[in-house]
Amino acid sequence: MDIKNYLSQSFEDIKHVDEDLEFWYARDLMPILWYKKRERFSWTIDKAMVACEKSGKIIEDQFFPAPGKTSSPQWGRPKEDFLLTRYACYLIAQNGDSRKPEIAQAQRYFATQTRRQELYIQRVEEDKRLTARQKLKETEEKIEETIYTRGITEPREFATFKNKKIEALYNISTRDLKSKRWIPNKRALADFDSEVELKAKDFVYAMTDHNIKEQNLEGKNQLETELVDNAKATREALIKRWITPEKLPPQEDLKKIAKKRKWESKVLWESGDIESLTE
């Protein structure tokens, strides 16, 4: 028997999906992991719960009691069942007896699947940041065109304009913020921003551009005042939702991520795996 293929097929066969939420019943997972006695499987679940708590996750978020669900005959006496997340299934496998070849294979399988899921989530988050960064660049170009005809025409003046946004949004100077986050002085702060920071900056610029045009603002002082007021208002909104901008940690360099994506696309194109480019 090909244990690896058996595990993969069987595990997906017993998966349930409800409104995009995937889960597994513990009673269905038990025979797939080659447990014959309910008591031994229950002990493994208990160990998995302890491991879940030690990992910093909330047990109830991974192991959901399923009231009214009783075990299949092979479980013995009726017992409350659990709805398990993919991570919970992984923990149950990891806390099994690895001396058994079947369990050892299950551990490798779930470890691989969990890692794939982690990489997928990481890629989705990176995509969000890349998209938000591009949107911010477009909004910056738009407001630069707007203020160019209204009193700010020199590159140095526009740099000062942007710095005032940073100081109002983070309550700290651009230089000090870069130093705090260990960002090279010549690099843009936005390349190390989280998604929420990128969107906050974009919102500040969008409001400012709108009000400049609606109120027909002119002159360096009026333009900068409008920008600072909007940045301060955005900061207040973030803080009310327990987000303090200057306390957010720097993220991975977006230029490195973009370079990595370009390299991946080149490799996939050369290998003929073109479909993966759109996945």
C-alpha atoms as a PDB file:
ATOM      1  CA  MET A   1       0.000   0.000   0.000  1.00  0.00           C
ATOM      2  CA  ASP A   2       1.248   3.478  -0.892  1.00  0.00           C
ATOM      3  CA  ILE A   3       0.781   5.146   2.495  1.00  0.00           C
ATOM      4  CA  LYS A   4       1.469   8.627   1.186  1.00  0.00           C
ATOM      5  CA  ASN A   5      -1.184   8.465  -1.532  1.00  0.00           C
ATOM      6  CA  TYR A   6      -3.607   6.764   0.852  1.00  0.00           C
ATOM      7  CA  LEU A   7      -3.211   9.553   3.391  1.00  0.00           C
ATOM      8  CA  SER A   8      -3.580  12.324   0.849  1.00  0.00           C
ATOM      9  CA  GLN A   9      -6.703  10.888  -0.757  1.00  0.00           C
ATOM     10  CA  SER A  10      -8.364   9.743   2.457  1.00  0.00           C
ATOM     11  CA  PHE A  11      -7.695  12.994   4.305  1.00  0.00           C
ATOM     12  CA  GLU A  12      -9.258  15.070   1.542  1.00  0.00           C
ATOM     13  CA  ASP A  13     -12.180  12.665   1.253  1.00  0.00           C
ATOM     14  CA  ILE A  14     -13.272  13.267   4.853  1.00  0.00           C
ATOM     15  CA  LYS A  15     -12.895  17.052   4.672  1.00  0.00           C
ATOM     16  CA  HIS A  16     -16.020  19.154   5.184  1.00  0.00           C
ATOM     17  CA  VAL A  17     -16.483  22.687   3.889  1.00  0.00           C
ATOM     18  CA  ASP A  18     -19.066  25.109   5.258  1.00  0.00           C
ATOM     19  CA  GLU A  19     -19.037  28.678   3.906  1.00  0.00           C
ATOM     20  CA  ASP A  20     -15.360  28.423   2.902  1.00  0.00           C
ATOM     21  CA  LEU A  21     -14.439  27.006   6.333  1.00  0.00           C
ATOM     22  CA  GLU A  22     -12.764  23.605   6.050  1.00  0.00           C
ATOM     23  CA  PHE A  23     -12.829  21.149   8.935  1.00  0.00           C
ATOM     24  CA  TRP A  24     -12.533  17.472   9.816  1.00  0.00           C
ATOM     25  CA  TYR A  25     -14.412  15.300  12.342  1.00  0.00           C
ATOM     26  CA  ALA A  26     -12.141  13.597  14.848  1.00  0.00           C
ATOM     27  CA  ARG A  27     -14.180  10.402  14.544  1.00  0.00           C
ATOM     28  CA  ASP A  28     -13.394  10.310  10.806  1.00  0.00           C
ATOM     29  CA  LEU A  29      -9.707  11.074  11.291  1.00  0.00           C
ATOM     30  CA  MET A  30      -9.144   8.253  13.787  1.00  0.00           C
ATOM     31  CA  PRO A  31      -9.129   5.281  11.336  1.00  0.00           C
ATOM     32  CA  ILE A  32      -7.077   7.214   8.767  1.00  0.00           C
ATOM     33  CA  LEU A  33      -4.307   7.556  11.357  1.00  0.00           C
ATOM     34  CA  TRP A  34      -4.584   3.809  12.077  1.00  0.00           C
ATOM     35  CA  TYR A  35      -5.955   4.116  15.607  1.00  0.00           C
ATOM     36  CA  LYS A  36      -8.010   1.120  16.674  1.00  0.00           C
ATOM     37  CA  LYS A  37      -8.801   2.116  20.257  1.00  0.00           C
ATOM     38  CA  ARG A  38     -10.741   5.245  21.090  1.00  0.00           C
ATOM     39  CA  GLU A  39      -8.883   5.720  24.377  1.00  0.00           C
ATOM     40  CA  ARG A  40      -5.485   5.935  22.690  1.00  0.00           C
ATOM     41  CA  PHE A  41      -6.779   8.401  20.139  1.00  0.00           C
ATOM     42  CA  SER A  42      -8.348  10.505  22.906  1.00  0.00           C
ATOM     43  CA  TRP A  43      -4.989  10.641  24.690  1.00  0.00           C
ATOM     44  CA  THR A  44      -3.350  11.834  21.479  1.00  0.00           C
ATOM     45  CA  ILE A  45      -5.990  14.549  21.082  1.00  0.00           C
ATOM     46  CA  ASP A  46      -5.340  15.672  24.660  1.00  0.00           C
ATOM     47  CA  LYS A  47      -1.600  15.897  23.944  1.00  0.00           C
ATOM     48  CA  ALA A  48      -2.331  17.812  20.743  1.00  0.00           C
ATOM     49  CA  MET A  49      -4.402  20.329  22.707  1.00  0.00           C
ATOM     50  CA  VAL A  50      -1.529  20.882  25.135  1.00  0.00           C
ATOM     51  CA  ALA A  51       0.820  21.421  22.186  1.00  0.00           C
ATOM     52  CA  CYS A  52      -1.680  23.847  20.671  1.00  0.00           C
ATOM     53  CA  GLU A  53      -1.743  25.927  23.850  1.00  0.00           C
ATOM     54  CA  LYS A  54       2.055  25.900  24.123  1.00  0.00           C
ATOM     55  CA  SER A  55       2.298  27.173  20.544  1.00  0.00           C
ATOM     56  CA  GLY A  56       0.403  30.290  21.592  1.00  0.00           C
ATOM     57  CA  LYS A  57      -2.849  29.429  19.860  1.00  0.00           C
ATOM     58  CA  ILE A  58      -6.282  29.195  21.462  1.00  0.00           C
ATOM     59  CA  ILE A  59      -7.404  25.568  21.772  1.00  0.00           C
ATOM     60  CA  GLU A  60     -11.061  26.393  21.118  1.00  0.00           C
ATOM     61  CA  ASP A  61     -10.095  28.020  17.803  1.00  0.00           C
ATOM     62  CA  GLN A  62      -8.593  24.746  16.536  1.00  0.00           C
ATOM     63  CA  PHE A  63     -10.626  22.036  18.325  1.00  0.00           C
ATOM     64  CA  PHE A  64     -14.344  22.807  18.151  1.00  0.00           C
ATOM     65  CA  PRO A  65     -16.675  20.654  20.282  1.00  0.00           C
ATOM     66  CA  ALA A  66     -19.431  19.163  18.153  1.00  0.00           C
ATOM     67  CA  PRO A  67     -22.466  18.832  20.472  1.00  0.00           C
ATOM     68  CA  GLY A  68     -24.862  16.089  19.542  1.00  0.00           C
ATOM     69  CA  LYS A  69     -22.235  14.219  17.540  1.00  0.00           C
ATOM     70  CA  THR A  70     -21.451  10.798  18.884  1.00  0.00           C
ATOM     71  CA  SER A  71     -18.713   8.470  17.841  1.00  0.00           C
ATOM     72  CA  SER A  72     -18.912   5.786  15.213  1.00  0.00           C
ATOM     73  CA  PRO A  73     -19.116   2.179  16.564  1.00  0.00           C
ATOM     74  CA  GLN A  74     -15.341   1.729  16.481  1.00  0.00           C
ATOM     75  CA  TRP A  75     -14.964   4.438  19.134  1.00  0.00           C
ATOM     76  CA  GLY A  76     -16.667   2.276  21.754  1.00  0.00           C
ATOM     77  CA  ARG A  77     -18.985   4.123  24.135  1.00  0.00           C
ATOM     78  CA  PRO A  78     -20.536   7.426  22.925  1.00  0.00           C
ATOM     79  CA  LYS A  79     -18.265  10.428  23.356  1.00  0.00           C
ATOM     80  CA  GLU A  80     -18.350  14.061  22.298  1.00  0.00           C
ATOM     81  CA  ASP A  81     -16.732  14.570  18.927  1.00  0.00           C
ATOM     82  CA  PHE A  82     -14.544  17.448  17.702  1.00  0.00           C
ATOM     83  CA  LEU A  83     -14.435  19.550  14.577  1.00  0.00           C
ATOM     84  CA  LEU A  84     -10.772  19.981  13.742  1.00  0.00           C
ATOM     85  CA  THR A  85      -8.918  22.585  11.715  1.00  0.00           C
ATOM     86  CA  ARG A  86      -6.089  21.516   9.417  1.00  0.00           C
ATOM     87  CA  TYR A  87      -3.651  22.698  12.087  1.00  0.00           C
ATOM     88  CA  ALA A  88      -5.403  20.576  14.726  1.00  0.00           C
ATOM     89  CA  CYS A  89      -5.100  17.521  12.470  1.00  0.00           C
ATOM     90  CA  TYR A  90      -1.409  18.286  12.085  1.00  0.00           C
ATOM     91  CA  LEU A  91      -0.941  18.469  15.877  1.00  0.00           C
ATOM     92  CA  ILE A  92      -2.777  15.182  16.389  1.00  0.00           C
ATOM     93  CA  ALA A  93      -0.492  13.475  13.875  1.00  0.00           C
ATOM     94  CA  GLN A  94       2.614  15.057  15.418  1.00  0.00           C
ATOM     95  CA  ASN A  95       1.668  13.754  18.865  1.00  0.00           C
ATOM     96  CA  GLY A  96       1.133  10.192  17.721  1.00  0.00           C
ATOM     97  CA  ASP A  97       3.562   7.306  18.193  1.00  0.00           C
ATOM     98  CA  SER A  98       6.233   7.986  15.553  1.00  0.00           C
ATOM     99  CA  ARG A  99       7.658   4.475  16.052  1.00  0.00           C
ATOM    100  CA  LYS A 100       4.810   3.210  13.913  1.00  0.00           C
ATOM    101  CA  PRO A 101       5.622   3.628  10.192  1.00  0.00           C
ATOM    102  CA  GLU A 102       2.060   4.743   9.424  1.00  0.00           C
ATOM    103  CA  ILE A 103       2.148   7.490  12.054  1.00  0.00           C
ATOM    104  CA  ALA A 104       5.635   8.590  10.985  1.00  0.00           C
ATOM    105  CA  GLN A 105       4.382   8.925   7.411  1.00  0.00           C
ATOM    106  CA  ALA A 106       1.313  10.805   8.629  1.00  0.00           C
ATOM    107  CA  GLN A 107       3.551  13.227  10.512  1.00  0.00           C
ATOM    108  CA  ARG A 108       5.589  13.925   7.384  1.00  0.00           C
ATOM    109  CA  TYR A 109       2.428  14.354   5.323  1.00  0.00           C
ATOM    110  CA  PHE A 110       0.761  16.810   7.702  1.00  0.00           C
ATOM    111  CA  ALA A 111       3.995  18.737   8.242  1.00  0.00           C
ATOM    112  CA  THR A 112       4.301  19.180   4.475  1.00  0.00           C
ATOM    113  CA  GLN A 113       0.652  20.198   4.102  1.00  0.00           C
ATOM    114  CA  THR A 114       0.882  22.664   6.975  1.00  0.00           C
ATOM    115  CA  ARG A 115       4.021  24.225   5.518  1.00  0.00           C
ATOM    116  CA  ARG A 116       2.323  24.578   2.147  1.00  0.00           C
ATOM    117  CA  GLN A 117      -0.599  26.317   3.833  1.00  0.00           C
ATOM    118  CA  GLU A 118       1.763  28.669   5.673  1.00  0.00           C
ATOM    119  CA  LEU A 119       3.538  29.550   2.427  1.00  0.00           C
ATOM    120  CA  TYR A 120       0.208  30.138   0.698  1.00  0.00           C
ATOM    121  CA  ILE A 121      -0.954  32.496   3.455  1.00  0.00           C
ATOM    122  CA  GLN A 122       2.403  34.286   3.362  1.00  0.00           C
ATOM    123  CA  ARG A 123       2.117  34.740  -0.395  1.00  0.00           C
ATOM    124  CA  VAL A 124      -1.423  36.134  -0.090  1.00  0.00           C
ATOM    125  CA  GLU A 125      -0.253  38.673   2.496  1.00  0.00           C
ATOM    126  CA  GLU A 126       2.697  39.632   0.302  1.00  0.00           C
ATOM    127  CA  ASP A 127       0.357  40.139  -2.649  1.00  0.00           C
ATOM    128  CA  LYS A 128      -1.800  42.470  -0.568  1.00  0.00           C
ATOM    129  CA  ARG A 129       1.239  44.554   0.356  1.00  0.00           C
ATOM    130  CA  LEU A 130       2.499  44.673  -3.231  1.00  0.00           C
ATOM    131  CA  THR A 131      -0.927  45.794  -4.459  1.00  0.00           C
ATOM    132  CA  ALA A 132      -1.230  48.438  -1.724  1.00  0.00           C
ATOM    133  CA  ARG A 133       2.290  49.711  -2.472  1.00  0.00           C
ATOM    134  CA  GLN A 134       1.499  50.117  -6.166  1.00  0.00           C
ATOM    135  CA  LYS A 135      -1.745  51.916  -5.324  1.00  0.00           C
ATOM    136  CA  LEU A 136       0.153  54.298  -3.024  1.00  0.00           C
ATOM    137  CA  LYS A 137       2.630  55.084  -5.812  1.00  0.00           C
ATOM    138  CA  GLU A 138      -0.225  55.923  -8.146  1.00  0.00           C
ATOM    139  CA  THR A 139      -1.879  58.184  -5.563  1.00  0.00           C
ATOM    140  CA  GLU A 140       1.452  59.926  -4.861  1.00  0.00           C
ATOM    141  CA  GLU A 141       1.857  60.651  -8.566  1.00  0.00           C
ATOM    142  CA  LYS A 142      -1.682  61.994  -8.709  1.00  0.00           C
ATOM    143  CA  ILE A 143      -1.275  64.389  -5.778  1.00  0.00           C
ATOM    144  CA  GLU A 144       2.136  65.487  -7.055  1.00  0.00           C
ATOM    145  CA  GLU A 145       0.445  66.604 -10.269  1.00  0.00           C
ATOM    146  CA  THR A 146      -2.226  68.386  -8.235  1.00  0.00           C
ATOM    147  CA  ILE A 147       0.100  70.373  -5.983  1.00  0.00           C
ATOM    148  CA  TYR A 148       2.554  71.155  -8.796  1.00  0.00           C
ATOM    149  CA  THR A 149       0.113  73.698 -10.200  1.00  0.00           C
ATOM    150  CA  ARG A 150      -0.764  75.112  -6.784  1.00  0.00           C
ATOM    151  CA  GLY A 151       2.526  76.220  -5.273  1.00  0.00           C
ATOM    152  CA  ILE A 152       4.789  73.224  -4.710  1.00  0.00           C
ATOM    153  CA  THR A 153       7.014  72.740  -7.738  1.00  0.00           C
ATOM    154  CA  GLU A 154      10.486  71.700  -6.571  1.00  0.00           C
ATOM    155  CA  PRO A 155      11.478  68.073  -5.790  1.00  0.00           C
ATOM    156  CA  ARG A 156      12.815  69.190  -2.397  1.00  0.00           C
ATOM    157  CA  GLU A 157       9.478  70.847  -1.594  1.00  0.00           C
ATOM    158  CA  PHE A 158       7.587  67.685  -2.437  1.00  0.00           C
ATOM    159  CA  ALA A 159       9.994  65.677  -0.251  1.00  0.00           C
ATOM    160  CA  THR A 160       9.253  68.057   2.618  1.00  0.00           C
ATOM    161  CA  PHE A 161       5.531  67.686   1.848  1.00  0.00           C
ATOM    162  CA  LYS A 162       5.780  63.899   2.224  1.00  0.00           C
ATOM    163  CA  ASN A 163       7.865  64.161   5.380  1.00  0.00           C
ATOM    164  CA  LYS A 164       5.191  66.287   7.038  1.00  0.00           C
ATOM    165  CA  LYS A 165       2.714  63.478   6.357  1.00  0.00           C
ATOM    166  CA  ILE A 166       5.037  60.994   8.078  1.00  0.00           C
ATOM    167  CA  GLU A 167       5.590  63.233  11.104  1.00  0.00           C
ATOM    168  CA  ALA A 168       1.849  63.765  11.565  1.00  0.00           C
ATOM    169  CA  LEU A 169       0.922  60.119  10.994  1.00  0.00           C
ATOM    170  CA  TYR A 170       3.670  58.587  13.157  1.00  0.00           C
ATOM    171  CA  ASN A 171       4.325  61.454  15.595  1.00  0.00           C
ATOM    172  CA  ILE A 172       8.026  61.058  14.812  1.00  0.00           C
ATOM    173  CA  SER A 173      10.383  62.372  12.134  1.00  0.00           C
ATOM    174  CA  THR A 174      11.134  60.343   9.009  1.00  0.00           C
ATOM    175  CA  ARG A 175      14.813  60.096   9.987  1.00  0.00           C
ATOM    176  CA  ASP A 176      14.029  58.851  13.502  1.00  0.00           C
ATOM    177  CA  LEU A 177      11.447  56.369  12.223  1.00  0.00           C
ATOM    178  CA  LYS A 178      13.937  54.900   9.743  1.00  0.00           C
ATOM    179  CA  SER A 179      16.527  54.648  12.495  1.00  0.00           C
ATOM    180  CA  LYS A 180      14.044  52.935  14.801  1.00  0.00           C
ATOM    181  CA  ARG A 181      13.163  50.401  12.117  1.00  0.00           C
ATOM    182  CA  TRP A 182      16.732  49.923  10.850  1.00  0.00           C
ATOM    183  CA  ILE A 183      15.769  51.117   7.372  1.00  0.00           C
ATOM    184  CA  PRO A 184      18.577  52.568   5.188  1.00  0.00           C
ATOM    185  CA  ASN A 185      18.303  56.334   4.897  1.00  0.00           C
ATOM    186  CA  LYS A 186      18.062  56.252   1.099  1.00  0.00           C
ATOM    187  CA  ARG A 187      15.233  53.711   1.049  1.00  0.00           C
ATOM    188  CA  ALA A 188      11.526  54.542   1.094  1.00  0.00           C
ATOM    189  CA  LEU A 189       9.710  53.782   4.333  1.00  0.00           C
ATOM    190  CA  ALA A 190       6.759  52.451   2.349  1.00  0.00           C
ATOM    191  CA  ASP A 191       8.814  49.517   1.046  1.00  0.00           C
ATOM    192  CA  PHE A 192       8.853  48.168   4.610  1.00  0.00           C
ATOM    193  CA  ASP A 193       5.287  49.109   5.569  1.00  0.00           C
ATOM    194  CA  SER A 194       2.529  46.742   6.576  1.00  0.00           C
ATOM    195  CA  GLU A 195      -0.630  46.667   4.468  1.00  0.00           C
ATOM    196  CA  VAL A 196      -2.534  48.838   6.950  1.00  0.00           C
ATOM    197  CA  GLU A 197       0.205  51.507   6.871  1.00  0.00           C
ATOM    198  CA  LEU A 198       0.242  51.577   3.085  1.00  0.00           C
ATOM    199  CA  LYS A 199      -3.514  51.968   2.940  1.00  0.00           C
ATOM    200  CA  ALA A 200      -3.460  54.644   5.644  1.00  0.00           C
ATOM    201  CA  LYS A 201      -0.923  56.692   3.671  1.00  0.00           C
ATOM    202  CA  ASP A 202      -2.938  56.224   0.500  1.00  0.00           C
ATOM    203  CA  PHE A 203      -6.064  57.414   2.316  1.00  0.00           C
ATOM    204  CA  VAL A 204      -4.269  60.506   3.613  1.00  0.00           C
ATOM    205  CA  TYR A 205      -3.156  61.445   0.104  1.00  0.00           C
ATOM    206  CA  ALA A 206      -6.573  60.693  -1.396  1.00  0.00           C
ATOM    207  CA  MET A 207      -8.370  62.921   1.127  1.00  0.00           C
ATOM    208  CA  THR A 208      -5.815  65.666   0.653  1.00  0.00           C
ATOM    209  CA  ASP A 209      -6.059  65.571  -3.139  1.00  0.00           C
ATOM    210  CA  HIS A 210      -9.843  65.673  -2.941  1.00  0.00           C
ATOM    211  CA  ASN A 211      -9.986  68.614  -0.517  1.00  0.00           C
ATOM    212  CA  ILE A 212      -7.348  70.621  -2.376  1.00  0.00           C
ATOM    213  CA  LYS A 213      -9.492  70.483  -5.484  1.00  0.00           C
ATOM    214  CA  GLU A 214     -12.860  70.892  -3.741  1.00  0.00           C
ATOM    215  CA  GLN A 215     -11.703  73.841  -1.609  1.00  0.00           C
ATOM    216  CA  ASN A 216      -9.434  75.245  -4.329  1.00  0.00           C
ATOM    217  CA  LEU A 217      -6.472  75.463  -1.968  1.00  0.00           C
ATOM    218  CA  GLU A 218      -3.382  77.337  -3.132  1.00  0.00           C
ATOM    219  CA  GLY A 219       0.105  77.962  -1.760  1.00  0.00           C
ATOM    220  CA  LYS A 220       2.585  75.848   0.136  1.00  0.00           C
ATOM    221  CA  ASN A 221       1.192  76.621   3.600  1.00  0.00           C
ATOM    222  CA  GLN A 222      -2.407  75.740   2.759  1.00  0.00           C
ATOM    223  CA  LEU A 223      -1.398  72.538   0.973  1.00  0.00           C
ATOM    224  CA  GLU A 224       0.827  71.349   3.811  1.00  0.00           C
ATOM    225  CA  THR A 225      -1.766  72.245   6.453  1.00  0.00           C
ATOM    226  CA  GLU A 226      -4.411  70.194   4.654  1.00  0.00           C
ATOM    227  CA  LEU A 227      -2.055  67.226   4.398  1.00  0.00           C
ATOM    228  CA  VAL A 228      -1.039  67.387   8.072  1.00  0.00           C
ATOM    229  CA  ASP A 229      -4.653  67.694   9.248  1.00  0.00           C
ATOM    230  CA  ASN A 230      -5.639  64.605   7.253  1.00  0.00           C
ATOM    231  CA  ALA A 231      -2.631  62.645   8.504  1.00  0.00           C
ATOM    232  CA  LYS A 232      -3.450  63.530  12.115  1.00  0.00           C
ATOM    233  CA  ALA A 233      -7.087  62.528  11.627  1.00  0.00           C
ATOM    234  CA  THR A 234      -5.987  59.193  10.168  1.00  0.00           C
ATOM    235  CA  ARG A 235      -3.601  58.649  13.076  1.00  0.00           C
ATOM    236  CA  GLU A 236      -6.411  59.265  15.553  1.00  0.00           C
ATOM    237  CA  ALA A 237      -8.616  56.748  13.749  1.00  0.00           C
ATOM    238  CA  LEU A 238      -5.857  54.116  13.865  1.00  0.00           C
ATOM    239  CA  ILE A 239      -5.134  54.681  17.540  1.00  0.00           C
ATOM    240  CA  LYS A 240      -8.837  54.377  18.380  1.00  0.00           C
ATOM    241  CA  ARG A 241      -8.650  50.908  16.835  1.00  0.00           C
ATOM    242  CA  TRP A 242      -5.560  50.048  18.921  1.00  0.00           C
ATOM    243  CA  ILE A 243      -3.076  50.569  16.076  1.00  0.00           C
ATOM    244  CA  THR A 244      -0.165  52.852  16.968  1.00  0.00           C
ATOM    245  CA  PRO A 245       1.701  53.441  13.664  1.00  0.00           C
ATOM    246  CA  GLU A 246       5.184  54.057  15.100  1.00  0.00           C
ATOM    247  CA  LYS A 247       4.984  50.839  17.136  1.00  0.00           C
ATOM    248  CA  LEU A 248       4.326  48.606  14.128  1.00  0.00           C
ATOM    249  CA  PRO A 249       7.331  46.434  13.195  1.00  0.00           C
ATOM    250  CA  PRO A 250       8.946  46.760   9.760  1.00  0.00           C
ATOM    251  CA  GLN A 251       7.954  44.155   7.187  1.00  0.00           C
ATOM    252  CA  GLU A 252      10.044  42.328   4.607  1.00  0.00           C
ATOM    253  CA  ASP A 253      11.449  44.592   1.903  1.00  0.00           C
ATOM    254  CA  LEU A 254       8.888  44.778  -0.905  1.00  0.00           C
ATOM    255  CA  LYS A 255      11.625  45.226  -3.489  1.00  0.00           C
ATOM    256  CA  LYS A 256      13.066  41.856  -2.468  1.00  0.00           C
ATOM    257  CA  ILE A 257       9.612  40.274  -2.671  1.00  0.00           C
ATOM    258  CA  ALA A 258       9.020  41.769  -6.130  1.00  0.00           C
ATOM    259  CA  LYS A 259      12.436  40.528  -7.259  1.00  0.00           C
ATOM    260  CA  LYS A 260      11.653  37.068  -5.924  1.00  0.00           C
ATOM    261  CA  ARG A 261       8.318  37.020  -7.785  1.00  0.00           C
ATOM    262  CA  LYS A 262      10.033  38.057 -11.003  1.00  0.00           C
ATOM    263  CA  TRP A 263      12.551  35.240 -10.608  1.00  0.00           C
ATOM    264  CA  GLU A 264       9.786  32.715  -9.879  1.00  0.00           C
ATOM    265  CA  SER A 265       7.878  33.800 -12.973  1.00  0.00           C
ATOM    266  CA  LYS A 266      11.006  33.425 -15.115  1.00  0.00           C
ATOM    267  CA  VAL A 267      11.674  29.912 -13.791  1.00  0.00           C
ATOM    268  CA  LEU A 268       8.061  28.811 -14.298  1.00  0.00           C
ATOM    269  CA  TRP A 269       7.988  30.277 -17.812  1.00  0.00           C
ATOM    270  CA  GLU A 270      11.206  28.537 -18.805  1.00  0.00           C
ATOM    271  CA  SER A 271      10.002  25.260 -17.310  1.00  0.00           C
ATOM    272  CA  GLY A 272       6.751  25.487 -19.278  1.00  0.00           C
ATOM    273  CA  ASP A 273       4.609  25.566 -16.106  1.00  0.00           C
ATOM    274  CA  ILE A 274       2.774  28.657 -17.341  1.00  0.00           C
ATOM    275  CA  GLU A 275      -0.477  27.846 -15.511  1.00  0.00           C
ATOM    276  CA  SER A 276       1.245  28.353 -12.139  1.00  0.00           C
ATOM    277  CA  LEU A 277       1.796  32.015 -12.987  1.00  0.00           C
ATOM    278  CA  THR A 278      -1.891  32.711 -12.581  1.00  0.00           C
ATOM    279  CA  GLU A 279      -2.570  30.538  -9.530  1.00  0.00           C
END
